[in-house]
N, C-alpha and C. Protein backbone atom coordinates (compact mmCIF):
# COMPACT_ATOMS: atom_id res chain seq x y z
N UNK A 1 152.78 121.20 -71.59
CA UNK A 1 152.92 122.62 -70.94
C UNK A 1 154.16 122.90 -70.82
N UNK A 2 154.78 124.16 -70.69
CA UNK A 2 156.43 124.30 -70.34
C UNK A 2 156.94 125.54 -70.04
N UNK A 3 157.61 125.32 -69.36
CA UNK A 3 158.39 126.71 -68.91
C UNK A 3 159.19 127.31 -70.21
N UNK A 4 158.20 128.86 -70.13
CA UNK A 4 158.29 129.82 -70.96
C UNK A 4 159.90 130.20 -70.57
N UNK A 5 159.96 131.27 -69.45
CA UNK A 5 160.78 131.77 -68.75
C UNK A 5 161.17 131.90 -67.75
N UNK A 6 162.18 132.24 -66.90
CA UNK A 6 162.51 132.59 -65.98
C UNK A 6 162.60 134.08 -65.30
N UNK A 7 161.94 134.82 -64.76
CA UNK A 7 161.92 136.00 -65.04
C UNK A 7 163.24 136.69 -63.05
N UNK A 8 163.56 137.39 -63.47
CA UNK A 8 164.85 138.22 -62.82
C UNK A 8 164.97 139.15 -62.47
N UNK A 9 164.27 139.83 -61.58
CA UNK A 9 164.61 141.62 -61.05
C UNK A 9 165.82 142.12 -60.69
N UNK A 10 166.63 143.13 -61.60
CA UNK A 10 168.10 143.15 -61.52
C UNK A 10 167.95 144.77 -61.01
N UNK A 11 168.60 145.52 -60.27
CA UNK A 11 169.17 146.72 -60.03
C UNK A 11 170.11 147.30 -60.46
N UNK A 12 171.04 146.39 -61.37
CA UNK A 12 172.13 147.11 -62.13
C UNK A 12 172.24 146.39 -63.24
N UNK A 13 171.52 146.64 -64.71
CA UNK A 13 171.42 145.81 -65.95
C UNK A 13 172.71 145.32 -66.15
N UNK A 14 173.99 146.65 -66.36
CA UNK A 14 175.07 146.34 -66.74
C UNK A 14 175.88 145.15 -66.03
N UNK A 15 175.67 145.10 -64.52
CA UNK A 15 176.53 144.07 -64.06
C UNK A 15 175.86 142.66 -64.32
N UNK A 16 174.34 142.67 -64.32
CA UNK A 16 173.38 141.63 -64.53
C UNK A 16 174.10 140.75 -65.82
N UNK A 17 173.95 141.88 -67.01
CA UNK A 17 174.11 141.16 -68.22
C UNK A 17 176.01 140.59 -68.51
N UNK A 18 176.78 141.06 -67.60
CA UNK A 18 178.42 140.85 -67.28
C UNK A 18 178.19 139.61 -66.71
N UNK A 19 177.46 139.31 -65.80
CA UNK A 19 177.34 137.93 -65.43
C UNK A 19 176.57 136.99 -66.20
N UNK A 20 175.34 136.75 -66.75
CA UNK A 20 175.15 136.01 -67.36
C UNK A 20 175.42 135.72 -68.56
N UNK A 21 175.52 137.34 -69.47
CA UNK A 21 175.85 136.95 -70.82
C UNK A 21 177.28 136.55 -70.99
N UNK A 22 178.22 137.83 -70.39
CA UNK A 22 179.68 137.21 -70.57
C UNK A 22 180.31 136.36 -69.80
N UNK A 23 180.19 136.20 -68.45
CA UNK A 23 180.71 135.13 -67.86
C UNK A 23 180.02 133.51 -67.83
N UNK A 24 178.80 133.58 -67.86
CA UNK A 24 177.97 132.32 -68.03
C UNK A 24 177.81 132.28 -69.37
N UNK A 25 177.79 133.20 -70.16
CA UNK A 25 177.79 132.90 -71.94
C UNK A 25 176.52 132.84 -72.37
N UNK A 26 175.28 133.40 -71.19
CA UNK A 26 173.87 132.92 -72.19
C UNK A 26 173.88 133.83 -73.09
N UNK A 27 173.07 133.57 -74.53
CA UNK A 27 173.07 134.67 -75.36
C UNK A 27 171.67 135.27 -75.64
N UNK A 28 171.94 136.19 -76.09
CA UNK A 28 170.95 137.43 -75.69
C UNK A 28 169.96 137.28 -77.11
N UNK A 29 168.50 137.12 -76.93
CA UNK A 29 167.97 136.82 -78.40
C UNK A 29 166.50 137.75 -78.10
N UNK A 30 166.54 138.50 -77.03
CA UNK A 30 165.51 139.92 -76.73
C UNK A 30 165.84 140.85 -76.23
N UNK A 31 165.97 142.34 -76.50
CA UNK A 31 166.46 143.34 -75.32
C UNK A 31 166.05 144.57 -75.88
N UNK A 32 164.66 144.78 -74.98
CA UNK A 32 163.55 145.65 -75.49
C UNK A 32 163.43 146.61 -73.95
N UNK A 33 162.80 147.93 -74.22
CA UNK A 33 162.30 148.69 -73.54
C UNK A 33 160.91 148.71 -73.46
N UNK A 34 159.90 148.32 -72.26
CA UNK A 34 159.07 148.25 -72.41
C UNK A 34 158.05 149.53 -71.59
N UNK A 35 156.90 149.98 -72.30
CA UNK A 35 156.16 151.14 -71.07
C UNK A 35 154.59 150.92 -72.04
N UNK A 36 154.09 151.32 -71.44
CA UNK A 36 152.47 151.92 -72.07
C UNK A 36 151.69 150.73 -71.52
N UNK A 37 150.31 151.02 -71.80
CA UNK A 37 149.01 150.66 -71.16
C UNK A 37 149.24 148.97 -70.89
N UNK A 38 149.79 148.34 -72.19
CA UNK A 38 150.07 146.82 -72.06
C UNK A 38 150.68 146.37 -70.87
N UNK A 39 151.73 146.82 -70.28
CA UNK A 39 152.79 146.29 -69.64
C UNK A 39 152.31 146.80 -68.09
N UNK A 40 151.65 147.89 -68.33
CA UNK A 40 151.11 148.73 -66.84
C UNK A 40 149.69 147.61 -66.58
N UNK A 41 148.99 147.23 -67.26
CA UNK A 41 147.74 146.52 -66.89
C UNK A 41 148.23 145.10 -66.69
N UNK A 42 148.98 144.68 -67.41
CA UNK A 42 149.60 142.98 -67.06
C UNK A 42 150.46 143.00 -65.16
N UNK A 43 150.84 143.97 -65.11
CA UNK A 43 151.86 144.60 -63.97
C UNK A 43 150.97 144.50 -62.91
N UNK A 44 149.70 145.72 -63.15
CA UNK A 44 149.26 146.16 -62.46
C UNK A 44 149.52 147.38 -61.52
N UNK A 45 150.88 148.13 -62.76
CA UNK A 45 151.41 149.09 -62.32
C UNK A 45 151.16 150.39 -63.03
N UNK A 46 151.52 151.65 -62.67
CA UNK A 46 151.45 152.88 -63.52
C UNK A 46 152.86 153.25 -63.97
N UNK A 47 152.44 153.85 -65.48
CA UNK A 47 153.66 154.44 -65.93
C UNK A 47 154.92 153.71 -65.77
N UNK A 48 154.99 152.47 -65.92
CA UNK A 48 156.09 151.44 -66.40
C UNK A 48 156.95 151.61 -67.30
N UNK A 49 158.34 151.54 -66.98
CA UNK A 49 159.08 151.40 -68.20
C UNK A 49 160.68 150.87 -67.45
N UNK A 50 160.37 149.37 -68.12
CA UNK A 50 161.19 148.57 -67.81
C UNK A 50 161.87 147.88 -69.52
N UNK A 51 163.23 147.24 -68.92
CA UNK A 51 163.86 146.82 -69.67
C UNK A 51 163.89 145.13 -69.45
N UNK A 52 163.33 144.94 -70.39
CA UNK A 52 163.52 143.10 -70.25
C UNK A 52 164.54 142.83 -71.66
N UNK A 53 165.49 141.72 -71.02
CA UNK A 53 166.38 141.21 -71.76
C UNK A 53 166.32 139.60 -71.67
N UNK A 54 166.15 138.64 -72.66
CA UNK A 54 165.33 137.23 -72.49
C UNK A 54 167.14 137.22 -73.22
N UNK A 55 167.34 135.81 -72.21
CA UNK A 55 168.50 134.88 -72.79
C UNK A 55 168.13 133.91 -72.87
N UNK A 56 168.91 133.15 -73.72
CA UNK A 56 168.49 131.47 -74.28
C UNK A 56 169.35 130.60 -72.95
N UNK A 57 169.04 129.84 -72.45
CA UNK A 57 169.80 129.08 -71.56
C UNK A 57 169.49 127.15 -71.83
N UNK A 58 169.95 127.21 -72.77
CA UNK A 58 169.93 125.83 -73.29
C UNK A 58 168.57 125.10 -73.36
N UNK A 59 167.83 125.80 -73.82
CA UNK A 59 166.00 125.34 -74.63
C UNK A 59 165.21 126.23 -73.80
N UNK A 60 165.34 126.81 -72.65
CA UNK A 60 164.81 128.08 -71.85
C UNK A 60 165.38 128.98 -72.14
N UNK A 61 164.47 129.95 -71.39
CA UNK A 61 165.17 131.52 -71.19
C UNK A 61 165.09 131.82 -69.92
N UNK A 62 165.97 132.99 -69.86
CA UNK A 62 165.99 133.71 -67.99
C UNK A 62 166.02 135.07 -69.08
N UNK A 63 164.84 136.07 -68.12
CA UNK A 63 164.39 137.14 -68.28
C UNK A 63 165.21 138.45 -67.35
N UNK A 64 165.77 138.76 -67.88
CA UNK A 64 166.47 140.01 -66.96
C UNK A 64 165.85 141.21 -67.01
N UNK A 65 165.13 141.82 -65.61
CA UNK A 65 164.07 143.05 -65.96
C UNK A 65 164.65 143.95 -65.25
N UNK A 66 165.08 145.31 -65.45
CA UNK A 66 165.61 146.17 -65.33
C UNK A 66 164.41 147.19 -65.27
N UNK A 67 163.76 147.55 -63.81
CA UNK A 67 162.52 148.68 -63.74
C UNK A 67 163.30 149.95 -63.47
N UNK A 68 163.48 151.00 -64.43
CA UNK A 68 163.68 152.25 -64.50
C UNK A 68 162.65 153.29 -63.67
N UNK A 69 161.27 152.70 -63.68
CA UNK A 69 160.26 153.47 -62.94
C UNK A 69 160.17 152.68 -62.21
N UNK A 70 160.23 152.00 -61.46
CA UNK A 70 160.00 151.40 -60.29
C UNK A 70 160.76 150.40 -59.96
N UNK A 71 162.08 151.07 -58.96
CA UNK A 71 163.57 150.42 -58.43
C UNK A 71 162.81 149.50 -57.43
N UNK A 72 163.62 148.75 -57.07
CA UNK A 72 163.45 147.40 -56.37
C UNK A 72 163.42 148.17 -54.52
N UNK A 73 162.60 147.48 -53.94
CA UNK A 73 162.71 148.28 -52.56
C UNK A 73 163.25 147.53 -51.60
N UNK A 74 164.10 146.40 -51.56
CA UNK A 74 164.61 145.07 -51.45
C UNK A 74 164.06 144.64 -50.09
N UNK A 75 162.60 144.64 -49.89
CA UNK A 75 161.98 143.74 -49.02
C UNK A 75 162.27 142.30 -49.04
N UNK A 76 162.52 141.87 -50.24
CA UNK A 76 162.51 140.52 -50.07
C UNK A 76 163.73 140.00 -49.14
N UNK A 77 164.11 139.04 -48.42
CA UNK A 77 164.93 138.52 -47.57
C UNK A 77 165.93 138.19 -48.04
N UNK A 78 165.86 137.36 -49.80
CA UNK A 78 166.91 136.97 -50.03
C UNK A 78 167.67 136.20 -49.46
N UNK A 79 167.19 135.44 -48.94
CA UNK A 79 167.57 134.04 -48.20
C UNK A 79 167.28 132.46 -49.05
N UNK A 80 168.03 131.81 -48.97
CA UNK A 80 167.75 130.62 -49.55
C UNK A 80 166.77 129.64 -49.71
N UNK A 81 166.34 130.24 -48.22
CA UNK A 81 165.03 129.87 -47.34
C UNK A 81 163.52 130.85 -47.78
N UNK A 82 164.13 131.62 -48.26
CA UNK A 82 162.95 132.80 -48.35
C UNK A 82 161.77 131.97 -49.27
N UNK A 83 160.56 132.76 -49.11
CA UNK A 83 159.17 132.02 -49.87
C UNK A 83 159.38 132.74 -51.29
N UNK A 84 159.08 131.78 -52.07
CA UNK A 84 159.01 132.14 -53.66
C UNK A 84 160.30 131.56 -54.34
N UNK A 85 160.26 132.27 -55.69
CA UNK A 85 161.52 131.34 -56.08
C UNK A 85 162.83 131.46 -55.42
N UNK A 86 163.22 130.68 -55.18
CA UNK A 86 164.68 130.47 -54.53
C UNK A 86 166.12 130.79 -54.85
N UNK A 87 165.83 129.99 -56.59
CA UNK A 87 166.90 129.87 -57.08
C UNK A 87 166.88 129.38 -58.42
N UNK A 88 167.76 129.43 -59.52
CA UNK A 88 167.91 128.87 -60.69
C UNK A 88 168.74 128.19 -60.72
N UNK A 89 168.37 127.03 -61.56
CA UNK A 89 169.78 125.75 -61.63
C UNK A 89 170.38 126.06 -62.93
N UNK A 90 171.69 125.83 -63.04
CA UNK A 90 172.60 125.60 -64.57
C UNK A 90 172.82 124.82 -64.85
N UNK A 91 173.18 124.06 -65.70
CA UNK A 91 174.32 122.80 -65.97
C UNK A 91 175.28 123.57 -66.68
N UNK A 92 176.65 123.37 -66.15
CA UNK A 92 177.72 123.83 -67.09
C UNK A 92 178.23 122.18 -67.39
N UNK A 93 179.42 122.84 -68.14
CA UNK A 93 180.03 121.70 -68.73
C UNK A 93 181.53 121.14 -68.16
N UNK A 94 181.73 121.89 -67.31
CA UNK A 94 182.94 121.71 -66.03
C UNK A 94 182.84 122.58 -65.21
N UNK A 95 182.42 122.40 -63.70
CA UNK A 95 182.38 123.09 -62.80
C UNK A 95 183.34 123.45 -62.32
N UNK A 96 184.63 122.73 -62.51
CA UNK A 96 185.68 123.32 -61.94
C UNK A 96 186.16 124.57 -62.36
N UNK A 97 186.30 124.42 -63.72
CA UNK A 97 186.51 125.41 -64.64
C UNK A 97 185.40 126.75 -64.36
N UNK A 98 184.28 126.55 -64.29
CA UNK A 98 183.31 127.47 -63.93
C UNK A 98 183.58 128.40 -62.77
N UNK A 99 183.96 127.46 -61.85
CA UNK A 99 183.86 127.98 -60.61
C UNK A 99 184.96 129.29 -60.24
N UNK A 100 186.23 128.29 -60.65
CA UNK A 100 187.58 129.40 -61.06
C UNK A 100 187.72 130.63 -61.90
N UNK A 101 186.87 130.57 -62.74
CA UNK A 101 186.71 131.83 -63.60
C UNK A 101 185.71 132.67 -62.69
N UNK A 102 184.66 131.82 -62.45
CA UNK A 102 183.61 133.30 -61.64
C UNK A 102 184.50 133.54 -60.55
N UNK A 103 185.12 133.00 -59.67
CA UNK A 103 185.64 133.28 -58.38
C UNK A 103 186.58 134.55 -58.95
N UNK A 104 187.73 134.34 -59.90
CA UNK A 104 188.60 135.26 -60.47
C UNK A 104 187.44 136.44 -60.61
N UNK A 105 186.42 136.60 -60.87
CA UNK A 105 185.51 137.73 -60.94
C UNK A 105 184.98 138.45 -59.88
N UNK A 106 185.19 137.84 -58.82
CA UNK A 106 184.79 137.83 -57.61
C UNK A 106 183.44 137.59 -57.17
N UNK A 107 182.78 136.54 -57.79
CA UNK A 107 181.28 136.53 -57.70
C UNK A 107 181.52 135.26 -56.29
N UNK A 108 180.21 135.62 -55.55
CA UNK A 108 180.21 135.34 -54.59
C UNK A 108 179.66 133.62 -54.30
N UNK A 109 180.41 132.74 -53.79
CA UNK A 109 179.94 131.70 -53.67
C UNK A 109 179.53 130.99 -52.05
N UNK A 110 178.54 130.29 -52.20
CA UNK A 110 178.09 130.06 -50.55
C UNK A 110 178.69 128.86 -50.27
N UNK A 111 179.09 127.68 -51.58
CA UNK A 111 179.49 126.83 -50.84
C UNK A 111 180.90 126.39 -52.37
N UNK A 112 181.65 125.61 -51.82
CA UNK A 112 182.97 125.06 -52.76
C UNK A 112 182.18 124.01 -53.73
N UNK A 113 182.50 123.73 -54.81
CA UNK A 113 181.86 122.40 -55.35
C UNK A 113 181.70 121.11 -54.84
N UNK A 114 181.03 120.43 -54.81
CA UNK A 114 180.75 119.43 -53.93
C UNK A 114 180.17 117.98 -55.10
N UNK A 115 180.17 116.98 -55.14
CA UNK A 115 179.86 115.78 -55.76
C UNK A 115 178.63 115.36 -54.39
N UNK A 116 177.35 115.03 -55.58
CA UNK A 116 176.02 114.26 -54.85
C UNK A 116 176.61 113.01 -54.02
N UNK A 117 175.97 112.45 -53.42
CA UNK A 117 175.90 111.34 -52.68
C UNK A 117 175.95 110.35 -53.58
N UNK A 118 175.39 110.44 -54.71
CA UNK A 118 175.18 109.50 -55.71
C UNK A 118 175.72 109.50 -56.50
N UNK A 119 176.94 110.39 -56.70
CA UNK A 119 177.87 110.53 -57.54
C UNK A 119 177.43 110.85 -59.10
N UNK A 120 176.37 111.59 -59.02
CA UNK A 120 175.91 111.99 -60.27
C UNK A 120 176.09 113.33 -60.68
N UNK A 121 176.11 114.02 -59.84
CA UNK A 121 176.34 115.62 -60.33
C UNK A 121 177.60 116.19 -59.31
N UNK A 122 178.32 117.09 -59.65
CA UNK A 122 179.16 118.07 -59.28
C UNK A 122 178.01 119.07 -58.63
N UNK A 123 178.05 120.17 -57.66
CA UNK A 123 177.42 121.33 -57.46
C UNK A 123 177.98 122.27 -56.80
N UNK A 124 177.53 123.84 -56.87
CA UNK A 124 178.17 124.82 -56.24
C UNK A 124 176.89 125.87 -56.45
N UNK A 125 176.82 126.46 -55.35
CA UNK A 125 175.78 127.25 -55.35
C UNK A 125 176.44 129.13 -55.38
N UNK A 126 176.03 129.89 -55.92
CA UNK A 126 176.76 131.23 -56.01
C UNK A 126 175.79 131.78 -56.04
N UNK A 127 175.51 133.22 -56.02
CA UNK A 127 174.72 134.40 -56.30
C UNK A 127 175.05 135.52 -57.21
N UNK A 128 174.47 136.30 -58.25
CA UNK A 128 174.76 137.10 -59.33
C UNK A 128 174.93 138.07 -58.62
N UNK A 129 175.13 139.26 -59.35
CA UNK A 129 175.41 140.57 -58.95
C UNK A 129 174.32 141.15 -58.18
N UNK A 130 173.34 140.92 -57.68
CA UNK A 130 172.15 141.08 -57.09
C UNK A 130 171.89 140.46 -56.07
N UNK A 131 172.64 139.25 -55.86
CA UNK A 131 172.10 138.43 -55.03
C UNK A 131 171.30 136.99 -54.89
N UNK A 132 170.90 137.08 -56.40
CA UNK A 132 169.85 135.97 -56.49
C UNK A 132 170.61 134.75 -56.85
N UNK A 133 170.30 133.67 -56.04
CA UNK A 133 170.95 132.19 -56.54
C UNK A 133 171.17 131.46 -57.04
N UNK A 134 172.20 131.08 -57.71
CA UNK A 134 172.45 130.63 -58.59
C UNK A 134 173.17 128.95 -58.49
N UNK A 135 172.66 128.48 -59.06
CA UNK A 135 172.91 126.81 -58.40
C UNK A 135 173.40 126.06 -59.83
N UNK A 136 175.11 126.18 -60.09
CA UNK A 136 175.58 125.46 -61.08
C UNK A 136 175.99 123.83 -60.89
N UNK A 137 175.22 123.17 -62.16
CA UNK A 137 175.88 121.57 -61.65
C UNK A 137 176.39 121.10 -62.72
N UNK A 138 177.20 120.01 -62.84
CA UNK A 138 177.91 119.71 -63.85
C UNK A 138 177.30 118.06 -63.50
N UNK A 139 176.60 117.60 -64.69
CA UNK A 139 176.20 116.16 -64.23
C UNK A 139 177.63 114.93 -64.98
N UNK A 140 177.63 114.21 -63.90
CA UNK A 140 178.60 113.21 -64.21
C UNK A 140 178.37 112.13 -64.50
N UNK A 141 177.56 111.48 -64.72
CA UNK A 141 176.91 110.30 -65.56
C UNK A 141 175.78 110.45 -66.08
């Protein structure tokens, strides 16, 4: 078994694509609008119209989902301690450069880059345009 992709529902696909594709450099491998009985049935919803954008992330995929037909209600508490998928972690080559570039783009960080106690990694958490937590990790050893 292996992880196929991580799905992230977004409320503004253009802002999300700017963040993940333009700023973080993930490559778009599929960008489609989905509707019809198949997507309705697998999601147990009616009249779904969703744009799904799959992006390659170092051998895994991140899938952005923009529901035109079922806009998000914002009920999830969106805290790092909330139940469910709390964040995704991405390995970067140079955390300081990534941190500075994202800060220039007004990305919200919840921490400055920190070196792990074992000295193996430098880590910082930020949020994507919809508030999803992203852990950025530079492997040091």
